[in-house]
Structure formats: C-alpha cells, structure tokens
Protein backbone atom coordinates (compact mmCIF):
# COMPACT_ATOMS: atom_id res chain seq x y z
CA MET A 1 1.79 5.65 15.91
CA HIS A 2 -0.99 5.36 13.31
CA LEU A 3 -1.11 2.64 10.65
CA LEU A 4 -3.22 2.84 7.52
CA ALA A 5 -3.83 -0.52 5.83
CA ILE A 6 -5.08 -0.35 2.25
CA VAL A 7 -6.45 -3.60 0.82
CA GLY A 8 -6.76 -3.82 -2.95
CA SER A 9 -8.46 -7.19 -3.19
CA PRO A 10 -12.03 -7.40 -4.48
CA ARG A 11 -12.59 -10.36 -2.11
CA LYS A 12 -12.77 -9.75 1.63
CA ASN A 13 -11.68 -12.35 4.19
CA GLN A 14 -9.46 -14.17 1.71
CA LYS A 15 -5.65 -14.60 1.52
CA THR A 16 -4.68 -10.94 1.01
CA ASP A 17 -7.01 -9.78 3.76
CA THR A 18 -5.72 -12.51 6.11
CA LEU A 19 -2.08 -11.54 5.61
CA VAL A 20 -2.86 -7.84 6.06
CA ASP A 21 -4.69 -8.73 9.29
CA LYS A 22 -1.63 -10.69 10.50
CA ALA A 23 0.55 -7.64 9.80
CA ILE A 24 -1.92 -5.44 11.70
CA GLU A 25 -1.82 -7.86 14.66
CA GLY A 26 1.96 -7.62 14.69
CA PHE A 27 1.81 -3.82 14.56
CA LYS A 28 -0.66 -3.66 17.44
CA SER A 29 1.43 -6.10 19.51
CA LEU A 30 4.46 -3.78 19.34
CA ASN A 31 2.69 -1.01 21.26
CA GLU A 32 -0.82 -0.98 22.70
CA ASP A 33 -1.18 2.73 21.86
CA ASN A 34 -0.77 2.04 18.12
CA THR A 35 -3.92 2.80 16.13
CA VAL A 36 -5.04 1.21 12.87
CA LYS A 37 -7.43 2.13 10.09
CA LYS A 38 -8.15 -0.39 7.34
CA ILE A 39 -9.52 0.65 3.96
CA TYR A 40 -10.87 -1.67 1.28
CA LEU A 41 -10.46 0.00 -2.10
CA SER A 42 -13.40 -2.08 -3.39
CA ASP A 43 -15.71 -0.22 -0.99
CA HIS A 44 -14.88 3.16 -2.50
CA ASN A 45 -15.63 5.04 -5.68
CA ILE A 46 -12.21 5.70 -7.22
CA ASN A 47 -12.22 7.03 -10.76
CA TYR A 48 -9.45 6.64 -13.30
CA CYS A 49 -6.79 9.31 -13.68
CA LYS A 50 -7.64 11.61 -16.59
CA ASP A 51 -3.98 12.55 -17.21
CA CYS A 52 -4.89 16.23 -17.06
CA LEU A 53 -1.57 16.91 -15.23
CA VAL A 54 -3.06 19.51 -12.88
CA CYS A 55 -1.51 17.71 -9.87
CA TRP A 56 1.80 17.36 -11.74
CA LYS A 57 1.92 21.12 -12.41
CA GLU A 58 1.25 22.06 -8.75
CA ILE A 59 4.94 22.09 -7.78
CA LYS A 60 4.54 23.96 -4.47
CA ALA A 61 1.54 22.06 -3.04
CA GLU A 62 2.16 20.28 0.30
CA PRO A 63 1.59 17.71 1.71
CA TYR A 64 -0.15 16.73 -1.53
CA ALA A 65 -1.51 18.34 -4.67
CA LYS A 66 -5.25 18.52 -5.20
CA CYS A 67 -6.69 16.29 -7.88
CA VAL A 68 -9.46 17.71 -10.07
CA ILE A 69 -11.45 14.48 -9.79
CA ARG A 70 -13.96 14.55 -6.92
CA ASP A 71 -14.44 11.05 -5.54
CA ASP A 72 -13.51 8.97 -2.49
CA MET A 73 -9.79 9.60 -3.10
CA ASP A 74 -10.30 13.03 -1.48
CA TRP A 75 -10.94 11.26 1.82
CA ILE A 76 -8.21 8.63 1.25
CA TYR A 77 -5.57 11.34 0.63
CA GLU A 78 -6.32 12.77 4.07
CA GLU A 79 -6.03 9.32 5.66
CA ILE A 80 -2.62 8.80 4.03
CA VAL A 81 -1.39 12.14 5.37
CA LYS A 82 -2.46 11.17 8.92
CA ALA A 83 -0.68 7.79 8.78
CA ASP A 84 2.81 7.19 10.18
CA ARG A 85 3.01 3.72 8.61
CA LEU A 86 1.29 2.16 5.59
CA ILE A 87 0.45 -1.38 4.52
CA PHE A 88 -0.63 -2.04 0.96
CA GLY A 89 -2.13 -5.47 0.28
CA THR A 90 -2.96 -6.78 -3.17
CA PRO A 91 -3.47 -10.10 -4.87
CA VAL A 92 -1.50 -10.63 -8.05
CA HIS A 93 -3.76 -11.01 -11.09
CA MET A 94 -2.19 -11.78 -14.47
CA GLY A 95 1.24 -10.92 -13.05
CA TYR A 96 0.23 -7.46 -11.76
CA ALA A 97 -1.52 -5.82 -8.84
CA THR A 98 -5.30 -5.60 -9.23
CA GLY A 99 -6.82 -2.95 -11.46
CA MET A 100 -8.18 -1.06 -8.46
CA VAL A 101 -4.68 -0.90 -6.91
CA MET A 102 -3.19 0.31 -10.20
CA THR A 103 -5.89 3.01 -10.42
CA PHE A 104 -5.16 4.00 -6.81
CA LEU A 105 -1.39 4.17 -7.50
CA GLU A 106 -1.93 6.30 -10.61
CA ARG A 107 -3.98 8.72 -8.54
CA ILE A 108 -1.39 9.11 -5.75
CA CYS A 109 1.75 9.25 -7.91
CA TRP A 110 1.70 12.97 -8.70
CA THR A 111 -0.57 14.07 -5.86
CA PHE A 112 2.12 13.00 -3.36
CA GLY A 113 5.09 13.46 -5.69
CA ARG A 114 6.42 16.35 -7.74
CA PRO A 115 8.52 16.07 -10.91
CA GLU A 116 11.88 17.12 -9.49
CA LYS A 117 14.05 13.98 -9.35
CA ASN A 118 16.43 12.81 -12.03
CA TYR A 119 17.50 9.19 -12.37
CA LEU A 120 20.24 8.48 -14.88
CA ASP A 121 19.07 10.38 -17.99
CA VAL A 122 15.41 10.48 -17.00
CA LYS A 123 14.27 13.89 -15.80
CA GLY A 124 11.06 14.73 -13.97
CA CYS A 125 10.73 11.58 -11.84
CA PRO A 126 8.59 11.79 -8.68
CA ALA A 127 10.15 13.29 -5.55
CA PRO A 128 8.18 13.50 -2.29
CA ARG A 129 6.20 16.71 -1.88
CA LYS A 130 6.94 16.66 1.83
CA MET A 131 9.71 14.77 3.60
CA VAL A 132 7.96 12.59 6.18
CA ASP A 133 9.39 9.62 8.04
CA ARG A 134 6.64 7.34 6.75
CA LYS A 135 7.46 3.69 6.12
CA ALA A 136 5.40 1.20 4.19
CA ILE A 137 5.20 -2.48 3.37
CA ILE A 138 3.57 -4.13 0.40
CA ILE A 139 1.93 -7.53 0.71
CA ALA A 140 1.46 -9.14 -2.70
CA VAL A 141 -0.37 -12.46 -2.73
CA SER A 142 -0.21 -14.88 -5.64
CA GLY A 143 -1.59 -18.35 -6.27
CA MET A 144 1.61 -19.31 -8.04
CA ILE A 145 4.56 -20.33 -5.90
CA PRO A 146 8.07 -19.68 -7.26
CA PRO A 147 10.47 -22.55 -6.46
CA ARG A 148 12.54 -20.53 -3.99
CA TYR A 149 9.45 -19.95 -1.81
CA LYS A 150 8.33 -23.61 -1.69
CA ARG A 151 10.06 -23.94 1.71
CA PHE A 152 7.26 -21.81 3.22
CA VAL A 153 4.65 -24.24 1.93
CA THR A 154 3.57 -27.58 3.33
CA GLY A 155 1.15 -30.39 2.48
CA ARG A 156 -0.79 -31.40 -0.60
CA HIS A 157 -2.89 -28.27 -0.51
CA LEU A 158 0.09 -25.91 -0.41
CA ARG A 159 -0.92 -24.06 2.76
CA LEU A 160 1.39 -21.49 4.29
CA LYS A 161 3.05 -22.57 7.51
CA GLU A 162 1.25 -20.21 9.86
CA GLN A 163 3.97 -19.91 12.50
CA SER A 164 6.61 -19.13 9.88
CA THR A 165 4.37 -16.52 8.31
CA ILE A 166 3.59 -14.88 11.65
CA ARG A 167 7.29 -14.76 12.62
CA SER A 168 8.24 -13.30 9.25
CA MET A 169 5.44 -10.71 9.43
CA ARG A 170 6.40 -9.72 12.99
CA LYS A 171 10.08 -9.33 12.05
CA LEU A 172 9.14 -7.24 9.03
CA LEU A 173 6.92 -4.98 11.15
CA GLU A 174 9.59 -4.55 13.81
CA ASN A 175 11.92 -3.20 11.13
CA VAL A 176 9.26 -0.96 9.60
CA CYS A 177 8.12 0.45 12.95
CA ARG A 178 11.54 1.55 14.16
C-alpha cells in the first residue's frame, strides 16, 4: 500500500510536520511493505487557478482532467493517482488552512472531480472522476485550543501528551488503512 503525505506548512520540522511524521510512523508500523512519499507544498511551484473551467468541462477525462497551467501540479497529480492512502497536513492560519493548501485544493477540485452530483437544490457538485478505494486523513494544527480538547494538553506550556497523541494517531490510521 502506498501513502502520499502532503504537508501544507511553510515551516518544516514544526508541529504540523511532526504530527504528519507520527501518522507516517503509524502507517509504516502496520505493514513493513507499506511505502510513503512526503511532499512539501512549499517546495513546489504551484500557481493559482485561473478559473478557465477547462478541467470542469472535461467530463470524460479519467483518472483526472488535465489543467492548462503547467507547473509542479502536473507531477503532484500523478503522485495522487499512484497513492492508495493520503495524508494532508496543514496549520490553521486565521481560522483557515494555509494559502498554499487552499491553492492546492482549488487546483485538484475539478481535475479529480466532475460536475455531476446534486446535493439538495445545488446542481453540478463534484463527483469523483474515477471510483477508487482511496482513503485520506486531514491533520489540521492550530495554536488555539478549544476547551473540549484541553484534556489532551498538559503543563504550563500546553504540550501535547505524546503517548495519547501516538495512540490516537495509530487508531486513526488503523481505521483508514482497512
């Protein structure tokens, strides 16, 4: 099984990166044959979506529609297709994922989805271009701690209890990797 980890933090070796690494450790511990590739979005040239809708109009394209923008996303699309499992890691800035993650998500929305789903009265919502048993987890890291999560925190410096975090990450990965 192949895991692709995509890190959307501009800072390497910090909290987001550490938690993604813990998730990768858990994934590798489940089966020694599991392979992992880790991508830092900050290391790549990813341009903004131009909203030209070329990918949106390519209804028949599989496993993804080609984007007219030539940049490092061409390579990242291929890596996503090869992956059986995905991990997305992002810090939370101003209440949202980082700008580079939002740019990345805008670029994959219609390349991997086609406008065929309807939800309530909304028509043209994304449906997968190809049905693949691909599971994903999202790791969002924030400096603010909501009251219900304070039980995971200890000490004056509000550090995560490492054992609790590792157990939680392992349990999450066991469910994702089934």
